[in-house]
N, C-alpha and C. Protein backbone atom coordinates (compact mmCIF):
# COMPACT_ATOMS: atom_id res chain seq x y z
N UNK A 1 104.01 111.17 193.45
CA UNK A 1 103.94 110.09 194.40
C UNK A 1 104.05 110.58 195.83
N UNK A 2 104.87 111.59 196.06
CA UNK A 2 105.14 112.04 197.43
C UNK A 2 104.16 113.12 197.88
N UNK A 3 103.34 113.64 196.99
CA UNK A 3 102.42 114.70 197.37
C UNK A 3 103.09 116.04 197.53
N UNK A 4 104.18 116.26 196.80
CA UNK A 4 104.89 117.53 196.86
C UNK A 4 104.53 118.33 195.62
N UNK A 5 104.01 119.52 195.83
CA UNK A 5 103.61 120.37 194.72
C UNK A 5 104.28 121.73 194.85
N UNK A 6 105.56 121.76 194.56
CA UNK A 6 106.33 122.99 194.65
C UNK A 6 106.55 123.54 193.24
N UNK A 7 106.32 124.84 193.08
CA UNK A 7 106.52 125.45 191.77
C UNK A 7 107.84 126.19 191.68
N UNK A 8 108.53 126.36 192.80
CA UNK A 8 109.83 127.01 192.80
C UNK A 8 110.82 126.17 193.61
N UNK A 9 112.09 126.42 193.40
CA UNK A 9 113.13 125.73 194.16
C UNK A 9 112.97 126.06 195.65
N UNK A 10 112.68 127.30 195.96
CA UNK A 10 112.53 127.71 197.36
C UNK A 10 111.37 126.98 198.03
N UNK A 11 110.25 126.82 197.34
CA UNK A 11 109.13 126.06 197.89
C UNK A 11 109.53 124.61 198.13
N UNK A 12 110.27 124.05 197.21
CA UNK A 12 110.73 122.66 197.35
C UNK A 12 111.65 122.52 198.55
N UNK A 13 112.53 123.49 198.75
CA UNK A 13 113.47 123.45 199.88
C UNK A 13 112.74 123.47 201.21
N UNK A 14 111.63 124.15 201.28
CA UNK A 14 110.89 124.30 202.53
C UNK A 14 109.94 123.14 202.82
N UNK A 15 109.74 122.25 201.85
CA UNK A 15 108.81 121.15 202.01
C UNK A 15 109.46 120.01 202.82
N UNK A 16 108.89 119.70 203.98
CA UNK A 16 109.47 118.68 204.85
C UNK A 16 109.41 117.29 204.25
N UNK A 17 108.38 116.99 203.46
CA UNK A 17 108.29 115.68 202.81
C UNK A 17 109.46 115.48 201.86
N UNK A 18 109.74 116.50 201.08
CA UNK A 18 110.85 116.43 200.14
C UNK A 18 112.19 116.37 200.89
N UNK A 19 112.31 117.16 201.94
CA UNK A 19 113.54 117.16 202.74
C UNK A 19 113.80 115.77 203.31
N UNK A 20 112.77 115.15 203.86
CA UNK A 20 112.93 113.81 204.42
C UNK A 20 113.28 112.79 203.33
N UNK A 21 112.72 112.95 202.14
CA UNK A 21 113.03 112.04 201.03
C UNK A 21 114.50 112.19 200.61
N UNK A 22 115.00 113.41 200.60
CA UNK A 22 116.41 113.64 200.26
C UNK A 22 117.31 113.02 201.33
N UNK A 23 116.98 113.23 202.60
CA UNK A 23 117.76 112.65 203.69
C UNK A 23 117.77 111.13 203.57
N UNK A 24 116.61 110.55 203.31
CA UNK A 24 116.51 109.09 203.16
C UNK A 24 117.36 108.61 201.98
N UNK A 25 117.32 109.33 200.87
CA UNK A 25 118.13 108.97 199.70
C UNK A 25 119.62 109.03 199.98
N UNK A 26 120.04 110.04 200.72
CA UNK A 26 121.46 110.16 201.07
C UNK A 26 121.86 109.02 201.99
N UNK A 27 121.00 108.67 202.94
CA UNK A 27 121.29 107.56 203.85
C UNK A 27 121.43 106.25 203.06
N UNK A 28 120.54 106.02 202.11
CA UNK A 28 120.62 104.80 201.30
C UNK A 28 121.90 104.78 200.48
N UNK A 29 122.24 105.91 199.89
CA UNK A 29 123.48 105.98 199.09
C UNK A 29 124.70 105.72 199.98
N UNK A 30 124.70 106.28 201.18
CA UNK A 30 125.82 106.06 202.10
C UNK A 30 125.96 104.58 202.47
N UNK A 31 124.83 103.90 202.63
CA UNK A 31 124.88 102.48 203.00
C UNK A 31 125.42 101.61 201.88
N UNK A 32 125.30 102.07 200.64
CA UNK A 32 125.74 101.25 199.52
C UNK A 32 127.17 101.57 199.07
N UNK A 33 127.85 102.44 199.79
CA UNK A 33 129.23 102.79 199.43
C UNK A 33 130.18 101.63 199.65
N UNK A 34 131.10 101.50 198.75
CA UNK A 34 132.13 100.48 198.90
C UNK A 34 133.24 100.96 199.82
N UNK A 35 134.16 100.06 200.14
CA UNK A 35 135.28 100.44 201.00
C UNK A 35 136.10 101.58 200.38
N UNK A 36 136.55 102.47 201.22
CA UNK A 36 137.39 103.57 200.76
C UNK A 36 136.63 104.79 200.28
N UNK A 37 135.29 104.73 200.28
CA UNK A 37 134.49 105.88 199.86
C UNK A 37 133.93 106.57 201.10
N UNK A 38 134.05 107.87 201.13
CA UNK A 38 133.57 108.64 202.27
C UNK A 38 132.07 108.90 202.14
N UNK A 39 131.32 108.74 203.22
CA UNK A 39 129.88 109.01 203.17
C UNK A 39 129.60 110.51 203.20
N UNK A 40 128.44 110.89 202.73
CA UNK A 40 127.98 112.27 202.84
C UNK A 40 127.57 112.47 204.30
N UNK A 41 128.15 113.48 204.94
CA UNK A 41 127.84 113.72 206.34
C UNK A 41 126.95 114.94 206.52
N UNK A 42 127.15 115.94 205.68
CA UNK A 42 126.34 117.16 205.75
C UNK A 42 126.07 117.61 204.33
N UNK A 43 124.91 118.21 204.13
CA UNK A 43 124.60 118.77 202.83
C UNK A 43 123.64 119.93 203.00
N UNK A 44 123.47 120.67 201.94
CA UNK A 44 122.61 121.85 201.94
C UNK A 44 121.89 121.90 200.61
N UNK A 45 120.61 122.12 200.64
CA UNK A 45 119.83 122.26 199.41
C UNK A 45 119.86 123.74 199.04
N UNK A 46 120.47 124.04 197.91
CA UNK A 46 120.64 125.43 197.49
C UNK A 46 119.30 126.06 197.11
N UNK A 47 119.26 127.37 197.13
CA UNK A 47 118.04 128.11 196.82
C UNK A 47 117.85 128.33 195.32
N UNK A 48 118.81 127.92 194.54
CA UNK A 48 118.69 128.09 193.09
C UNK A 48 119.39 126.93 192.39
N UNK A 49 118.97 126.69 191.15
CA UNK A 49 119.60 125.65 190.35
C UNK A 49 120.95 126.13 189.84
N UNK A 50 121.84 125.19 189.63
CA UNK A 50 123.12 125.49 189.00
C UNK A 50 122.94 125.25 187.50
N UNK A 51 123.14 126.30 186.69
CA UNK A 51 122.97 126.14 185.24
C UNK A 51 123.83 127.13 184.47
N UNK A 52 123.78 127.00 183.16
CA UNK A 52 124.59 127.85 182.28
C UNK A 52 124.28 129.34 182.43
N UNK A 53 123.01 129.67 182.52
CA UNK A 53 122.61 131.08 182.51
C UNK A 53 123.20 131.87 183.67
N UNK A 54 123.41 131.24 184.81
CA UNK A 54 123.99 131.98 185.93
C UNK A 54 125.48 131.70 186.09
N UNK A 55 126.09 131.13 185.05
CA UNK A 55 127.54 130.91 184.96
C UNK A 55 128.08 129.88 185.95
N UNK A 56 127.22 129.04 186.50
CA UNK A 56 127.67 128.00 187.41
C UNK A 56 128.24 126.80 186.66
N UNK A 57 127.83 126.64 185.39
CA UNK A 57 128.27 125.52 184.58
C UNK A 57 128.93 126.00 183.30
N UNK A 58 129.85 125.18 182.78
CA UNK A 58 130.47 125.47 181.49
C UNK A 58 129.53 125.01 180.38
N UNK A 59 129.81 125.36 179.12
CA UNK A 59 128.98 124.88 178.01
C UNK A 59 128.92 123.35 177.91
N UNK A 60 129.91 122.66 178.47
CA UNK A 60 129.89 121.19 178.48
C UNK A 60 129.29 120.65 179.78
N UNK A 61 128.62 121.54 180.54
CA UNK A 61 127.90 121.22 181.77
C UNK A 61 128.80 120.75 182.91
N UNK A 62 130.05 121.19 182.89
CA UNK A 62 130.93 120.93 184.03
C UNK A 62 130.79 122.08 185.02
N UNK A 63 130.91 121.75 186.29
CA UNK A 63 130.78 122.75 187.34
C UNK A 63 131.94 123.73 187.32
N UNK A 64 131.64 125.02 187.36
CA UNK A 64 132.67 126.05 187.50
C UNK A 64 132.91 126.21 189.01
N UNK A 65 133.82 125.41 189.53
CA UNK A 65 134.04 125.36 190.97
C UNK A 65 134.34 126.73 191.58
N UNK A 66 135.19 127.50 190.93
CA UNK A 66 135.56 128.80 191.50
C UNK A 66 134.34 129.72 191.63
N UNK A 67 133.46 129.70 190.64
CA UNK A 67 132.25 130.53 190.67
C UNK A 67 131.32 130.06 191.78
N UNK A 68 131.11 128.76 191.86
CA UNK A 68 130.21 128.19 192.87
C UNK A 68 130.78 128.41 194.28
N UNK A 69 132.06 128.21 194.45
CA UNK A 69 132.69 128.41 195.77
C UNK A 69 132.57 129.87 196.20
N UNK A 70 132.78 130.78 195.26
CA UNK A 70 132.66 132.21 195.60
C UNK A 70 131.22 132.58 195.93
N UNK A 71 130.28 132.15 195.11
CA UNK A 71 128.88 132.53 195.30
C UNK A 71 128.28 131.92 196.56
N UNK A 72 128.64 130.68 196.87
CA UNK A 72 128.05 129.97 198.00
C UNK A 72 129.04 129.79 199.15
N UNK A 73 129.97 130.72 199.30
CA UNK A 73 130.99 130.63 200.35
C UNK A 73 130.36 130.53 201.74
N UNK A 74 129.30 131.28 201.98
CA UNK A 74 128.66 131.24 203.31
C UNK A 74 128.05 129.87 203.59
N UNK A 75 127.48 129.24 202.58
CA UNK A 75 126.90 127.90 202.74
C UNK A 75 128.01 126.88 203.01
N UNK A 76 129.08 126.97 202.25
CA UNK A 76 130.21 126.05 202.42
C UNK A 76 130.81 126.23 203.81
N UNK A 77 130.95 127.47 204.25
CA UNK A 77 131.47 127.73 205.59
C UNK A 77 130.56 127.12 206.65
N UNK A 78 129.24 127.25 206.48
CA UNK A 78 128.30 126.67 207.44
C UNK A 78 128.43 125.15 207.51
N UNK A 79 128.64 124.52 206.37
CA UNK A 79 128.78 123.06 206.34
C UNK A 79 130.00 122.63 207.14
N UNK A 80 131.09 123.39 207.04
CA UNK A 80 132.33 123.02 207.70
C UNK A 80 132.54 123.71 209.04
N UNK A 81 131.54 124.43 209.55
CA UNK A 81 131.67 125.14 210.83
C UNK A 81 132.08 124.23 211.97
N UNK A 82 131.58 123.03 211.99
CA UNK A 82 131.84 122.13 213.11
C UNK A 82 133.05 121.24 212.91
N UNK A 83 133.90 121.59 211.94
CA UNK A 83 135.13 120.83 211.70
C UNK A 83 136.20 121.24 212.69
N UNK A 84 137.10 120.33 212.91
CA UNK A 84 138.25 120.66 213.74
C UNK A 84 139.16 121.60 212.97
N UNK A 85 139.80 122.56 213.62
CA UNK A 85 140.70 123.47 212.91
C UNK A 85 141.79 122.70 212.18
N UNK A 86 142.04 123.07 210.94
CA UNK A 86 143.11 122.47 210.17
C UNK A 86 142.75 121.20 209.43
N UNK A 87 141.56 120.67 209.64
CA UNK A 87 141.18 119.49 208.87
C UNK A 87 139.67 119.51 208.61
N UNK A 88 139.20 118.51 207.94
CA UNK A 88 137.79 118.44 207.56
C UNK A 88 137.06 117.31 208.29
N UNK A 89 137.57 116.88 209.43
CA UNK A 89 136.93 115.79 210.17
C UNK A 89 135.69 116.34 210.87
N UNK A 90 134.56 115.70 210.67
CA UNK A 90 133.29 116.17 211.21
C UNK A 90 133.10 115.74 212.66
N UNK A 91 132.49 116.61 213.45
CA UNK A 91 132.12 116.26 214.82
C UNK A 91 130.62 116.05 214.94
N UNK A 92 129.86 116.44 213.94
CA UNK A 92 128.41 116.36 213.99
C UNK A 92 127.93 114.95 213.62
N UNK A 93 126.71 114.58 214.04
CA UNK A 93 126.16 113.30 213.62
C UNK A 93 125.97 113.29 212.11
N UNK A 94 125.87 112.12 211.55
CA UNK A 94 125.71 111.99 210.10
C UNK A 94 124.46 112.69 209.60
N UNK A 95 124.60 113.29 208.46
CA UNK A 95 123.55 113.88 207.65
C UNK A 95 122.69 114.93 208.34
N UNK A 96 123.28 115.93 208.97
CA UNK A 96 122.43 117.05 209.36
C UNK A 96 122.14 117.89 208.13
N UNK A 97 120.95 118.37 208.02
CA UNK A 97 120.60 119.22 206.89
C UNK A 97 120.42 120.64 207.41
N UNK A 98 121.05 121.56 206.76
CA UNK A 98 120.89 122.95 207.18
C UNK A 98 119.97 123.64 206.18
N UNK A 99 119.08 124.44 206.70
CA UNK A 99 118.15 125.19 205.87
C UNK A 99 118.06 126.60 206.42
N UNK A 100 117.84 127.57 205.56
CA UNK A 100 117.66 128.92 206.07
C UNK A 100 116.47 128.97 207.03
N UNK A 101 116.53 129.81 208.01
CA UNK A 101 115.47 130.00 208.98
C UNK A 101 115.23 128.76 209.84
N UNK A 102 116.18 127.86 209.89
CA UNK A 102 116.03 126.68 210.74
C UNK A 102 117.02 126.82 211.88
N UNK A 103 116.50 126.97 213.11
CA UNK A 103 117.40 127.11 214.25
C UNK A 103 117.93 125.75 214.68
N UNK A 104 118.85 125.75 215.63
CA UNK A 104 119.52 124.51 216.03
C UNK A 104 118.53 123.48 216.56
N UNK A 105 117.53 123.89 217.31
CA UNK A 105 116.56 122.94 217.85
C UNK A 105 115.78 122.25 216.74
N UNK A 106 115.32 123.03 215.75
CA UNK A 106 114.60 122.45 214.63
C UNK A 106 115.50 121.55 213.80
N UNK A 107 116.77 121.93 213.62
CA UNK A 107 117.70 121.11 212.85
C UNK A 107 117.92 119.79 213.57
N UNK A 108 118.07 119.83 214.92
CA UNK A 108 118.23 118.61 215.68
C UNK A 108 117.00 117.72 215.54
N UNK A 109 115.81 118.31 215.56
CA UNK A 109 114.58 117.52 215.40
C UNK A 109 114.53 116.88 214.02
N UNK A 110 114.93 117.62 212.98
CA UNK A 110 114.95 117.06 211.62
C UNK A 110 115.94 115.91 211.54
N UNK A 111 117.08 116.06 212.20
CA UNK A 111 118.09 114.99 212.19
C UNK A 111 117.58 113.76 212.92
N UNK A 112 116.86 113.95 214.03
CA UNK A 112 116.31 112.82 214.77
C UNK A 112 115.28 112.09 213.92
N UNK A 113 114.42 112.86 213.20
CA UNK A 113 113.45 112.24 212.31
C UNK A 113 114.15 111.42 211.24
N UNK A 114 115.23 111.94 210.68
CA UNK A 114 115.97 111.25 209.64
C UNK A 114 116.62 109.98 210.18
N UNK A 115 117.10 110.05 211.40
CA UNK A 115 117.75 108.87 211.99
C UNK A 115 116.75 107.76 212.25
N UNK A 116 115.47 108.12 212.44
CA UNK A 116 114.45 107.12 212.72
C UNK A 116 113.79 106.56 211.49
N UNK A 117 114.23 106.97 210.30
CA UNK A 117 113.62 106.48 209.05
C UNK A 117 113.98 105.04 208.83
C-alpha cells in the first residue's frame, strides 16, 4: 500500500515513506493514551531484528533486557543524550527519530515533517 519495497531491515530503515509512517503511528498511539500513561517521545529503528538466533529473546519470546541493553548501549545513550542529569525528563520536542548518517539539520527537518502530518 505504501510503495515500500525493502528487502532488508537496513533498506527499510532508510526509506522515508516508512519512517514517516512509523512516526505517524507513534503519534496516533500517543494521542490514544489514557491518563497516567507516558507518551513515546523518542525512538530508534534498530538495524536488525530482535530474535532467538541472536540471543535477544528467550525461548518464550521475552526480551533479554541485559543482552539488548549491552548490545545497543550506544543507541540507548543517544536517546537519552538530551535528558537532564539525574533524571529521564526530555528536553527535545516529541518524537524525534534518530537514524544513522542523519545529521541534526536533517533530523530537525524529519521532525518538522512529522509534526505537520
